[in-house]
Each structure stands twice: as structure tokens, then as C-alpha cells.
Amino acid sequence: MTTRFRVNAPSVVDETIDGEAVIMNLDTGHYFSAQGTGCEVWNWIAGGSSAEEASLSLVRRYRVRSDEALAAVERFVASLLKHNLIRPDQEGGDGTARGVAPTLGEPGAYSPPALQVYTDMEEVLLLDPIHEVASSGWPMPRDAGVPSA
């Protein structure tokens, strides 16, 4: 059985800007960047594709060997899982990429997808007032006498 994935929302948010996927794990305060093939694979995986389907897109786009592409995508997916950015999709996504992945234009030189990890803003991001609210959500502050959930 082919494993498909989904973004680990609501703990993880992402945006693709100018060929770069910027991903943030709100639980840890870590943020991530994936450029080039990493951005493409992120969008395929986040759209519900399996590692096999994402690697086939790299094979077609960059004319890289299928075993090389699959190994690179599996390493990338393992990194995404390690950082709790994605989770297996029990419902089964449709395998289509989100965002810019199929329309990036002419491919450059192939390089394996990579995830850059940034932890320098962890303390600041975890101090965000959104984390200090009642279950009713922001901007309603938590009552001083009510214990947090």
C-alpha cells in the first residue's frame, strides 16, 4: 500500500513564495525552508502525493535516475516526519501538487531535495500571544482566574 501524507495542521503552516516553501511548526517554534526540488517535493507531498509519485515527478522533470530520485525523496520525507511537519494521510489524498510545483517553468540543474531547519526564533515564536489564549481563540485573552486547558 502506498503511503500518502498531509500537512500536520493546525500545528504546521506553510507558504510557497518565489520557489521557496517556508514552513513553520507552531508547537516547537522551529521554521524550515525548502528551495528548488525541495519546494517542488514539499508541494507534492503536502498535496497528498506519495514519495513514489513525487520521485516520478522529479524523474520526468529532471531526467534523474528513478532509484536516485526515490532515495532522495524518501530522505526528504523522513526529515519532514522527524520534524512533525507531515503525517500519514489515513483518508488518502488525491496525489496532486499544491501551489507552484507543476508550474515552476524550466527546471534548473537537479539537486536532491533538502530541508533547512532554523531554531533561532524558537523562544520568540513560542512567546507569541496566540499561544496564551483561551479555547475561544485570539484575540480574547485568557481570564486571569481560569486555568489553561
N, C-alpha and C. Protein backbone atom coordinates (compact mmCIF):
# COMPACT_ATOMS: atom_id res chain seq x y z
N MET A 1 0.83 -1.18 0.00
CA MET A 1 0.00 0.00 0.00
C MET A 1 0.88 1.25 0.00
N THR A 2 0.54 2.21 -0.82
CA THR A 2 1.28 3.45 -0.94
C THR A 2 0.87 4.42 0.16
N THR A 3 1.84 4.97 0.87
CA THR A 3 1.55 5.93 1.93
C THR A 3 1.52 7.33 1.34
N ARG A 4 0.43 8.01 1.61
CA ARG A 4 0.29 9.41 1.25
C ARG A 4 0.38 10.21 2.54
N PHE A 5 0.63 11.49 2.41
CA PHE A 5 0.85 12.34 3.57
C PHE A 5 -0.02 13.57 3.50
N ARG A 6 -0.14 14.25 4.64
CA ARG A 6 -0.79 15.55 4.71
C ARG A 6 0.00 16.42 5.67
N VAL A 7 -0.15 17.72 5.51
CA VAL A 7 0.49 18.67 6.42
C VAL A 7 -0.08 18.44 7.81
N ASN A 8 0.76 18.51 8.81
CA ASN A 8 0.36 18.26 10.19
C ASN A 8 -0.32 19.50 10.79
N ALA A 9 -1.39 19.93 10.13
CA ALA A 9 -2.16 21.10 10.58
C ALA A 9 -3.02 20.69 11.77
N PRO A 10 -3.32 21.58 12.66
CA PRO A 10 -3.06 23.03 12.63
C PRO A 10 -1.70 23.42 13.21
N SER A 11 -0.91 22.46 13.63
CA SER A 11 0.40 22.76 14.23
C SER A 11 1.41 23.28 13.21
N VAL A 12 1.19 22.97 11.93
CA VAL A 12 2.14 23.34 10.89
C VAL A 12 1.44 24.22 9.86
N VAL A 13 2.08 25.34 9.54
CA VAL A 13 1.60 26.23 8.50
C VAL A 13 2.72 26.42 7.48
N ASP A 14 2.32 26.71 6.25
CA ASP A 14 3.33 26.87 5.21
C ASP A 14 2.85 27.85 4.16
N GLU A 15 3.82 28.35 3.41
CA GLU A 15 3.54 29.25 2.29
C GLU A 15 4.67 29.07 1.29
N THR A 16 4.33 29.06 0.02
CA THR A 16 5.34 29.00 -1.03
C THR A 16 5.46 30.38 -1.64
N ILE A 17 6.69 30.93 -1.60
CA ILE A 17 6.95 32.27 -2.10
C ILE A 17 8.17 32.21 -3.01
N ASP A 18 7.98 32.59 -4.26
CA ASP A 18 9.09 32.66 -5.23
C ASP A 18 9.93 31.39 -5.25
N GLY A 19 9.28 30.23 -5.31
CA GLY A 19 10.01 28.97 -5.42
C GLY A 19 10.62 28.46 -4.13
N GLU A 20 10.22 29.04 -3.00
CA GLU A 20 10.69 28.58 -1.70
C GLU A 20 9.50 28.25 -0.82
N ALA A 21 9.50 27.06 -0.25
CA ALA A 21 8.48 26.69 0.72
C ALA A 21 8.99 27.11 2.09
N VAL A 22 8.23 27.94 2.77
CA VAL A 22 8.54 28.37 4.13
C VAL A 22 7.53 27.67 5.03
N ILE A 23 8.03 26.88 5.97
CA ILE A 23 7.18 26.01 6.79
C ILE A 23 7.47 26.31 8.25
N MET A 24 6.41 26.39 9.06
CA MET A 24 6.61 26.67 10.48
C MET A 24 5.85 25.66 11.32
N ASN A 25 6.55 25.11 12.31
CA ASN A 25 5.92 24.23 13.28
C ASN A 25 5.60 25.08 14.51
N LEU A 26 4.33 25.39 14.70
CA LEU A 26 3.92 26.29 15.78
C LEU A 26 4.08 25.66 17.15
N ASP A 27 4.15 24.33 17.23
CA ASP A 27 4.34 23.66 18.52
C ASP A 27 5.78 23.77 19.02
N THR A 28 6.74 23.74 18.11
CA THR A 28 8.15 23.78 18.51
C THR A 28 8.78 25.15 18.34
N GLY A 29 8.18 26.01 17.51
CA GLY A 29 8.77 27.31 17.22
C GLY A 29 9.87 27.23 16.18
N HIS A 30 10.05 26.07 15.57
CA HIS A 30 11.06 25.93 14.52
C HIS A 30 10.45 26.29 13.18
N TYR A 31 11.27 26.85 12.30
CA TYR A 31 10.80 27.10 10.95
C TYR A 31 11.78 26.49 9.96
N PHE A 32 11.30 26.29 8.75
CA PHE A 32 12.01 25.49 7.77
C PHE A 32 11.92 26.14 6.40
N SER A 33 12.88 25.82 5.57
CA SER A 33 12.90 26.31 4.20
C SER A 33 13.23 25.14 3.27
N ALA A 34 12.51 25.09 2.16
CA ALA A 34 12.82 24.11 1.11
C ALA A 34 12.79 24.85 -0.21
N GLN A 35 13.91 24.84 -0.91
CA GLN A 35 14.02 25.54 -2.18
C GLN A 35 14.24 24.54 -3.31
N GLY A 36 14.04 24.98 -4.54
CA GLY A 36 14.29 24.14 -5.70
C GLY A 36 13.47 22.86 -5.67
N THR A 37 14.15 21.73 -5.79
CA THR A 37 13.43 20.45 -5.78
C THR A 37 12.77 20.21 -4.42
N GLY A 38 13.33 20.75 -3.35
CA GLY A 38 12.71 20.62 -2.04
C GLY A 38 11.34 21.27 -2.00
N CYS A 39 11.23 22.44 -2.62
CA CYS A 39 9.95 23.14 -2.69
C CYS A 39 8.96 22.32 -3.53
N GLU A 40 9.43 21.81 -4.65
CA GLU A 40 8.56 21.00 -5.50
C GLU A 40 8.04 19.77 -4.76
N VAL A 41 8.95 19.06 -4.12
CA VAL A 41 8.56 17.83 -3.41
C VAL A 41 7.65 18.17 -2.23
N TRP A 42 7.95 19.26 -1.51
CA TRP A 42 7.06 19.67 -0.41
C TRP A 42 5.63 19.84 -0.93
N ASN A 43 5.48 20.54 -2.05
CA ASN A 43 4.15 20.79 -2.59
C ASN A 43 3.48 19.51 -3.07
N TRP A 44 4.24 18.57 -3.61
CA TRP A 44 3.65 17.29 -3.99
C TRP A 44 3.21 16.50 -2.77
N ILE A 45 4.09 16.41 -1.77
CA ILE A 45 3.77 15.65 -0.56
C ILE A 45 2.62 16.32 0.19
N ALA A 46 2.66 17.64 0.36
CA ALA A 46 1.60 18.36 1.05
C ALA A 46 0.28 18.26 0.31
N GLY A 47 0.33 18.02 -0.99
CA GLY A 47 -0.88 17.85 -1.78
C GLY A 47 -1.43 16.45 -1.76
N GLY A 48 -0.76 15.55 -1.05
CA GLY A 48 -1.28 14.20 -0.92
C GLY A 48 -0.58 13.15 -1.74
N SER A 49 0.54 13.50 -2.37
CA SER A 49 1.28 12.52 -3.16
C SER A 49 2.09 11.60 -2.26
N SER A 50 2.36 10.43 -2.75
CA SER A 50 3.26 9.51 -2.06
C SER A 50 4.70 9.87 -2.44
N ALA A 51 5.66 9.31 -1.72
CA ALA A 51 7.07 9.51 -2.06
C ALA A 51 7.35 9.00 -3.47
N GLU A 52 6.73 7.89 -3.84
CA GLU A 52 6.93 7.32 -5.17
C GLU A 52 6.44 8.27 -6.26
N GLU A 53 5.25 8.86 -6.05
CA GLU A 53 4.71 9.80 -7.04
C GLU A 53 5.56 11.05 -7.14
N ALA A 54 6.00 11.57 -6.01
CA ALA A 54 6.85 12.76 -6.02
C ALA A 54 8.17 12.48 -6.73
N SER A 55 8.74 11.29 -6.50
CA SER A 55 10.01 10.96 -7.14
C SER A 55 9.82 10.82 -8.66
N LEU A 56 8.69 10.30 -9.09
CA LEU A 56 8.42 10.19 -10.53
C LEU A 56 8.33 11.57 -11.17
N SER A 57 7.81 12.54 -10.44
CA SER A 57 7.76 13.90 -10.99
C SER A 57 9.18 14.44 -11.18
N LEU A 58 10.10 14.11 -10.26
CA LEU A 58 11.49 14.53 -10.42
C LEU A 58 12.15 13.83 -11.60
N VAL A 59 11.85 12.55 -11.77
CA VAL A 59 12.41 11.79 -12.90
C VAL A 59 12.00 12.43 -14.22
N ARG A 60 10.72 12.75 -14.33
CA ARG A 60 10.21 13.36 -15.58
C ARG A 60 10.78 14.76 -15.78
N ARG A 61 10.85 15.53 -14.74
CA ARG A 61 11.24 16.93 -14.86
C ARG A 61 12.75 17.12 -15.04
N TYR A 62 13.54 16.29 -14.34
CA TYR A 62 14.99 16.49 -14.34
C TYR A 62 15.76 15.37 -15.03
N ARG A 63 15.07 14.35 -15.46
CA ARG A 63 15.70 13.20 -16.13
C ARG A 63 16.75 12.54 -15.23
N VAL A 64 16.46 12.51 -13.94
CA VAL A 64 17.32 11.85 -12.97
C VAL A 64 16.92 10.37 -12.91
N ARG A 65 17.83 9.50 -12.52
CA ARG A 65 17.51 8.07 -12.39
C ARG A 65 16.42 7.87 -11.35
N SER A 66 15.53 6.94 -11.59
CA SER A 66 14.39 6.73 -10.69
C SER A 66 14.83 6.28 -9.31
N ASP A 67 15.86 5.41 -9.22
CA ASP A 67 16.30 4.96 -7.89
C ASP A 67 16.93 6.10 -7.11
N GLU A 68 17.65 6.98 -7.80
CA GLU A 68 18.27 8.14 -7.15
C GLU A 68 17.19 9.11 -6.66
N ALA A 69 16.20 9.38 -7.48
CA ALA A 69 15.12 10.29 -7.10
C ALA A 69 14.32 9.73 -5.93
N LEU A 70 13.99 8.45 -5.97
CA LEU A 70 13.20 7.86 -4.89
C LEU A 70 13.97 7.90 -3.57
N ALA A 71 15.25 7.58 -3.59
CA ALA A 71 16.06 7.62 -2.36
C ALA A 71 16.11 9.04 -1.80
N ALA A 72 16.27 10.04 -2.68
CA ALA A 72 16.33 11.44 -2.23
C ALA A 72 15.01 11.88 -1.63
N VAL A 73 13.90 11.51 -2.27
CA VAL A 73 12.58 11.90 -1.76
C VAL A 73 12.30 11.19 -0.44
N GLU A 74 12.67 9.94 -0.32
CA GLU A 74 12.45 9.21 0.94
C GLU A 74 13.24 9.85 2.08
N ARG A 75 14.47 10.31 1.82
CA ARG A 75 15.25 11.01 2.85
C ARG A 75 14.56 12.32 3.23
N PHE A 76 14.06 13.04 2.24
CA PHE A 76 13.36 14.30 2.48
C PHE A 76 12.10 14.06 3.31
N VAL A 77 11.32 13.05 2.95
CA VAL A 77 10.10 12.72 3.69
C VAL A 77 10.45 12.32 5.13
N ALA A 78 11.52 11.56 5.31
CA ALA A 78 11.95 11.17 6.65
C ALA A 78 12.26 12.40 7.49
N SER A 79 12.88 13.41 6.89
CA SER A 79 13.18 14.65 7.60
C SER A 79 11.89 15.40 7.96
N LEU A 80 10.93 15.43 7.03
CA LEU A 80 9.64 16.07 7.30
C LEU A 80 8.93 15.37 8.46
N LEU A 81 8.97 14.05 8.47
CA LEU A 81 8.34 13.28 9.54
C LEU A 81 9.06 13.50 10.87
N LYS A 82 10.38 13.53 10.84
CA LYS A 82 11.18 13.74 12.05
C LYS A 82 10.81 15.05 12.74
N HIS A 83 10.52 16.07 11.95
CA HIS A 83 10.19 17.39 12.49
C HIS A 83 8.68 17.59 12.65
N ASN A 84 7.92 16.51 12.51
CA ASN A 84 6.45 16.54 12.67
C ASN A 84 5.77 17.55 11.76
N LEU A 85 6.29 17.69 10.54
CA LEU A 85 5.69 18.62 9.59
C LEU A 85 4.59 17.97 8.77
N ILE A 86 4.67 16.65 8.62
CA ILE A 86 3.64 15.90 7.90
C ILE A 86 3.26 14.68 8.72
N ARG A 87 2.16 14.07 8.34
CA ARG A 87 1.73 12.82 8.96
C ARG A 87 1.10 11.98 7.88
N PRO A 88 1.08 10.66 8.06
CA PRO A 88 0.41 9.81 7.07
C PRO A 88 -1.05 10.22 6.92
N ASP A 89 -1.53 10.19 5.70
CA ASP A 89 -2.91 10.59 5.40
C ASP A 89 -3.78 9.34 5.37
N GLN A 90 -4.57 9.17 6.41
CA GLN A 90 -5.44 7.99 6.51
C GLN A 90 -6.58 8.04 5.50
N GLU A 91 -6.94 9.25 5.04
CA GLU A 91 -8.04 9.40 4.11
C GLU A 91 -7.59 9.24 2.66
N GLY A 92 -6.30 9.37 2.41
CA GLY A 92 -5.77 9.23 1.06
C GLY A 92 -5.98 10.47 0.23
N GLY A 93 -4.92 11.27 0.08
CA GLY A 93 -5.01 12.47 -0.74
C GLY A 93 -5.17 12.10 -2.20
N ASP A 94 -5.35 13.11 -3.02
CA ASP A 94 -5.58 12.82 -4.44
C ASP A 94 -4.29 12.78 -5.25
N GLY A 95 -3.15 13.05 -4.63
CA GLY A 95 -1.87 12.93 -5.32
C GLY A 95 -1.54 14.09 -6.23
N THR A 96 -2.24 15.20 -6.11
CA THR A 96 -1.92 16.36 -6.94
C THR A 96 -1.18 17.38 -6.11
N ALA A 97 -0.24 18.04 -6.74
CA ALA A 97 0.56 19.03 -6.04
C ALA A 97 -0.24 20.28 -5.78
N ARG A 98 0.13 20.97 -4.70
CA ARG A 98 -0.45 22.27 -4.41
C ARG A 98 0.48 23.33 -4.97
N GLY A 99 -0.03 24.49 -5.06
CA GLY A 99 0.81 25.65 -5.33
C GLY A 99 1.56 25.60 -6.63
N VAL A 100 2.86 25.83 -6.56
CA VAL A 100 3.66 26.09 -7.75
C VAL A 100 4.35 24.85 -8.32
N ALA A 101 4.27 23.73 -7.68
CA ALA A 101 5.09 22.59 -8.11
C ALA A 101 4.95 22.24 -9.58
N PRO A 102 3.75 22.13 -10.17
CA PRO A 102 3.71 21.74 -11.57
C PRO A 102 3.97 22.89 -12.53
N THR A 103 4.08 24.12 -12.05
CA THR A 103 4.20 25.26 -12.96
C THR A 103 5.44 26.10 -12.68
N LEU A 104 6.52 25.51 -12.26
CA LEU A 104 7.72 26.27 -11.93
C LEU A 104 8.49 26.76 -13.14
N GLY A 105 8.12 26.33 -14.32
CA GLY A 105 8.85 26.73 -15.51
C GLY A 105 9.96 25.74 -15.81
N GLU A 106 10.95 26.21 -16.55
CA GLU A 106 12.06 25.35 -16.95
C GLU A 106 12.88 24.93 -15.73
N PRO A 107 13.17 23.64 -15.64
CA PRO A 107 13.95 23.18 -14.49
C PRO A 107 15.41 23.60 -14.62
N GLY A 108 16.01 23.84 -13.48
CA GLY A 108 17.45 24.10 -13.45
C GLY A 108 18.17 22.76 -13.34
N ALA A 109 19.38 22.80 -12.86
CA ALA A 109 20.13 21.57 -12.63
C ALA A 109 19.51 20.82 -11.46
N TYR A 110 19.53 19.51 -11.53
CA TYR A 110 18.95 18.70 -10.45
C TYR A 110 19.86 18.73 -9.22
N SER A 111 19.23 18.90 -8.08
CA SER A 111 19.89 18.68 -6.80
C SER A 111 18.85 18.01 -5.90
N PRO A 112 19.28 17.10 -5.03
CA PRO A 112 18.32 16.40 -4.17
C PRO A 112 17.55 17.38 -3.30
N PRO A 113 16.29 17.08 -3.01
CA PRO A 113 15.52 17.96 -2.14
C PRO A 113 16.12 18.00 -0.74
N ALA A 114 16.15 19.19 -0.17
CA ALA A 114 16.74 19.37 1.16
C ALA A 114 15.87 20.29 1.99
N LEU A 115 15.87 20.06 3.29
CA LEU A 115 15.11 20.86 4.23
C LEU A 115 16.09 21.60 5.13
N GLN A 116 16.01 22.92 5.13
CA GLN A 116 16.83 23.73 6.02
C GLN A 116 16.04 23.96 7.30
N VAL A 117 16.67 23.76 8.45
CA VAL A 117 16.00 23.87 9.75
C VAL A 117 16.55 25.09 10.48
N TYR A 118 15.64 25.92 11.01
CA TYR A 118 16.03 27.11 11.76
C TYR A 118 15.38 27.07 13.14
N THR A 119 16.20 27.21 14.16
CA THR A 119 15.68 27.19 15.54
C THR A 119 15.95 28.50 16.27
N ASP A 120 16.53 29.48 15.58
CA ASP A 120 16.93 30.72 16.23
C ASP A 120 15.77 31.59 16.70
N MET A 121 14.57 31.36 16.20
CA MET A 121 13.41 32.16 16.60
C MET A 121 12.49 31.39 17.56
N GLU A 122 12.92 30.23 18.01
CA GLU A 122 12.07 29.35 18.82
C GLU A 122 11.47 30.07 20.02
N GLU A 123 12.28 30.75 20.80
CA GLU A 123 11.78 31.41 22.01
C GLU A 123 10.79 32.51 21.66
N VAL A 124 11.08 33.28 20.63
CA VAL A 124 10.19 34.37 20.23
C VAL A 124 8.87 33.82 19.73
N LEU A 125 8.92 32.81 18.88
CA LEU A 125 7.69 32.26 18.32
C LEU A 125 6.82 31.60 19.38
N LEU A 126 7.45 30.98 20.36
CA LEU A 126 6.67 30.34 21.42
C LEU A 126 6.12 31.35 22.43
N LEU A 127 6.63 32.58 22.41
CA LEU A 127 6.08 33.64 23.26
C LEU A 127 4.91 34.35 22.60
N ASP A 128 4.61 34.00 21.38
CA ASP A 128 3.52 34.60 20.63
C ASP A 128 2.24 34.59 21.46
N PRO A 129 1.52 35.70 21.53
CA PRO A 129 0.30 35.75 22.35
C PRO A 129 -0.79 34.78 21.89
N ILE A 130 -0.72 34.29 20.69
CA ILE A 130 -1.71 33.32 20.23
C ILE A 130 -1.65 32.06 21.09
N HIS A 131 -0.47 31.75 21.63
CA HIS A 131 -0.33 30.58 22.49
C HIS A 131 -0.91 30.83 23.89
N GLU A 132 -1.22 32.07 24.23
CA GLU A 132 -1.67 32.44 25.57
C GLU A 132 -3.14 32.85 25.57
N VAL A 133 -3.99 32.09 24.90
CA VAL A 133 -5.40 32.44 24.82
C VAL A 133 -6.27 31.29 25.30
N ALA A 134 -7.50 31.62 25.57
CA ALA A 134 -8.48 30.61 25.95
C ALA A 134 -8.90 29.83 24.71
N SER A 135 -9.70 28.80 24.90
CA SER A 135 -10.14 27.97 23.78
C SER A 135 -10.99 28.74 22.78
N SER A 136 -11.52 29.92 23.18
CA SER A 136 -12.31 30.73 22.26
C SER A 136 -11.44 31.38 21.19
N GLY A 137 -10.13 31.38 21.39
CA GLY A 137 -9.20 31.88 20.37
C GLY A 137 -8.76 33.31 20.57
N TRP A 138 -7.86 33.72 19.75
CA TRP A 138 -7.28 35.04 19.78
C TRP A 138 -8.23 35.99 19.08
N PRO A 139 -8.45 37.19 19.48
CA PRO A 139 -7.66 37.99 20.42
C PRO A 139 -8.24 38.02 21.83
N MET A 140 -9.04 37.08 22.20
CA MET A 140 -9.63 37.04 23.53
C MET A 140 -8.59 36.51 24.54
N PRO A 141 -8.13 37.35 25.48
CA PRO A 141 -7.12 36.88 26.44
C PRO A 141 -7.72 35.89 27.42
N ARG A 142 -6.87 35.05 27.92
CA ARG A 142 -7.27 34.07 28.93
C ARG A 142 -7.62 34.83 30.21
N ASP A 143 -8.72 34.46 30.86
CA ASP A 143 -9.10 35.07 32.14
C ASP A 143 -8.03 34.75 33.17
N ALA A 144 -7.71 35.71 33.99
CA ALA A 144 -6.65 35.54 34.97
C ALA A 144 -6.96 34.43 35.97
N GLY A 145 -8.24 34.22 36.31
CA GLY A 145 -8.58 33.22 37.31
C GLY A 145 -8.89 31.86 36.73
N VAL A 146 -8.89 31.69 35.42
CA VAL A 146 -9.25 30.43 34.79
C VAL A 146 -7.98 29.69 34.40
N PRO A 147 -7.82 28.46 34.87
CA PRO A 147 -6.61 27.70 34.49
C PRO A 147 -6.64 27.37 33.00
N SER A 148 -5.45 27.27 32.42
CA SER A 148 -5.35 26.95 30.99
C SER A 148 -5.72 25.50 30.76
N ALA A 149 -6.18 25.24 29.53
CA ALA A 149 -6.60 23.88 29.15
C ALA A 149 -5.42 23.01 28.81
